[in-house]
Amino acid sequence: MKKQIIGYTAGVSTDELVEEYKNKKTIIPFKDRIEIIRAIKYVDLAIPQMN
């Protein structure tokens, strides 16, 4: 039986996208938010969400 590899990719909104979409400044900067997401053991890849 073959093993199935399942990966999890998470998109993290950039500061600019949040400001444009919600018209508010972020509390936690993007560079810190993406590192938090990358530290989650179930996340294989964290990428910027720009649109």
C-alpha atoms as a PDB file:
ATOM      1  CA  MET A   1       0.000   0.000   0.000  1.00  0.00           C
ATOM      2  CA  LYS A   2       1.354   3.418  -0.973  1.00  0.00           C
ATOM      3  CA  LYS A   3       1.567   6.251   1.524  1.00  0.00           C
ATOM      4  CA  GLN A   4      -0.371   9.348   0.592  1.00  0.00           C
ATOM      5  CA  ILE A   5       1.373  12.630   1.324  1.00  0.00           C
ATOM      6  CA  ILE A   6      -0.920  15.455   2.257  1.00  0.00           C
ATOM      7  CA  GLY A   7       0.500  18.929   2.661  1.00  0.00           C
ATOM      8  CA  TYR A   8      -1.099  22.065   4.025  1.00  0.00           C
ATOM      9  CA  THR A   9      -0.430  25.468   2.459  1.00  0.00           C
ATOM     10  CA  ALA A  10      -1.605  28.600   4.267  1.00  0.00           C
ATOM     11  CA  GLY A  11      -1.982  32.036   2.728  1.00  0.00           C
ATOM     12  CA  VAL A  12      -1.201  34.966   5.023  1.00  0.00           C
ATOM     13  CA  SER A  13      -2.632  38.347   4.049  1.00  0.00           C
ATOM     14  CA  THR A  14      -0.052  41.093   3.584  1.00  0.00           C
ATOM     15  CA  ASP A  15      -0.346  44.313   5.594  1.00  0.00           C
ATOM     16  CA  GLU A  16      -1.287  46.204   2.425  1.00  0.00           C
ATOM     17  CA  LEU A  17      -4.092  43.774   1.605  1.00  0.00           C
ATOM     18  CA  VAL A  18      -5.530  43.995   5.126  1.00  0.00           C
ATOM     19  CA  GLU A  19      -5.402  47.799   5.071  1.00  0.00           C
ATOM     20  CA  GLU A  20      -7.073  47.899   1.651  1.00  0.00           C
ATOM     21  CA  TYR A  21      -9.747  45.321   2.488  1.00  0.00           C
ATOM     22  CA  LYS A  22     -10.584  46.259   6.093  1.00  0.00           C
ATOM     23  CA  ASN A  23      -9.455  49.893   6.016  1.00  0.00           C
ATOM     24  CA  LYS A  24      -7.510  49.257   9.241  1.00  0.00           C
ATOM     25  CA  LYS A  25      -3.864  48.915  10.174  1.00  0.00           C
ATOM     26  CA  THR A  26      -2.670  45.505  11.317  1.00  0.00           C
ATOM     27  CA  ILE A  27      -1.774  44.941  14.952  1.00  0.00           C
ATOM     28  CA  ILE A  28       0.777  42.217  14.248  1.00  0.00           C
ATOM     29  CA  PRO A  29       3.129  42.953  11.299  1.00  0.00           C
ATOM     30  CA  PHE A  30       3.076  40.581   8.314  1.00  0.00           C
ATOM     31  CA  LYS A  31       6.607  39.261   8.937  1.00  0.00           C
ATOM     32  CA  ASP A  32       5.579  38.204  12.464  1.00  0.00           C
ATOM     33  CA  ARG A  33       2.209  36.754  11.354  1.00  0.00           C
ATOM     34  CA  ILE A  34       3.775  34.587   8.654  1.00  0.00           C
ATOM     35  CA  GLU A  35       6.377  33.273  11.122  1.00  0.00           C
ATOM     36  CA  ILE A  36       3.591  32.369  13.564  1.00  0.00           C
ATOM     37  CA  ILE A  37       1.815  30.418  10.813  1.00  0.00           C
ATOM     38  CA  ARG A  38       5.062  28.724   9.722  1.00  0.00           C
ATOM     39  CA  ALA A  39       5.582  27.560  13.315  1.00  0.00           C
ATOM     40  CA  ILE A  40       2.347  25.552  13.264  1.00  0.00           C
ATOM     41  CA  LYS A  41       3.362  21.922  12.886  1.00  0.00           C
ATOM     42  CA  TYR A  42       0.543  21.120  10.446  1.00  0.00           C
ATOM     43  CA  VAL A  43       1.522  23.885   8.002  1.00  0.00           C
ATOM     44  CA  ASP A  44       3.979  22.791   5.320  1.00  0.00           C
ATOM     45  CA  LEU A  45       4.116  26.086   3.452  1.00  0.00           C
ATOM     46  CA  ALA A  46       3.043  29.650   4.316  1.00  0.00           C
ATOM     47  CA  ILE A  47       2.800  32.100   1.434  1.00  0.00           C
ATOM     48  CA  PRO A  48       1.865  35.790   1.153  1.00  0.00           C
ATOM     49  CA  GLN A  49      -1.691  36.490   0.023  1.00  0.00           C
ATOM     50  CA  MET A  50      -1.495  39.658  -2.040  1.00  0.00           C
ATOM     51  CA  ASN A  51      -4.945  39.784  -3.629  1.00  0.00           C
END
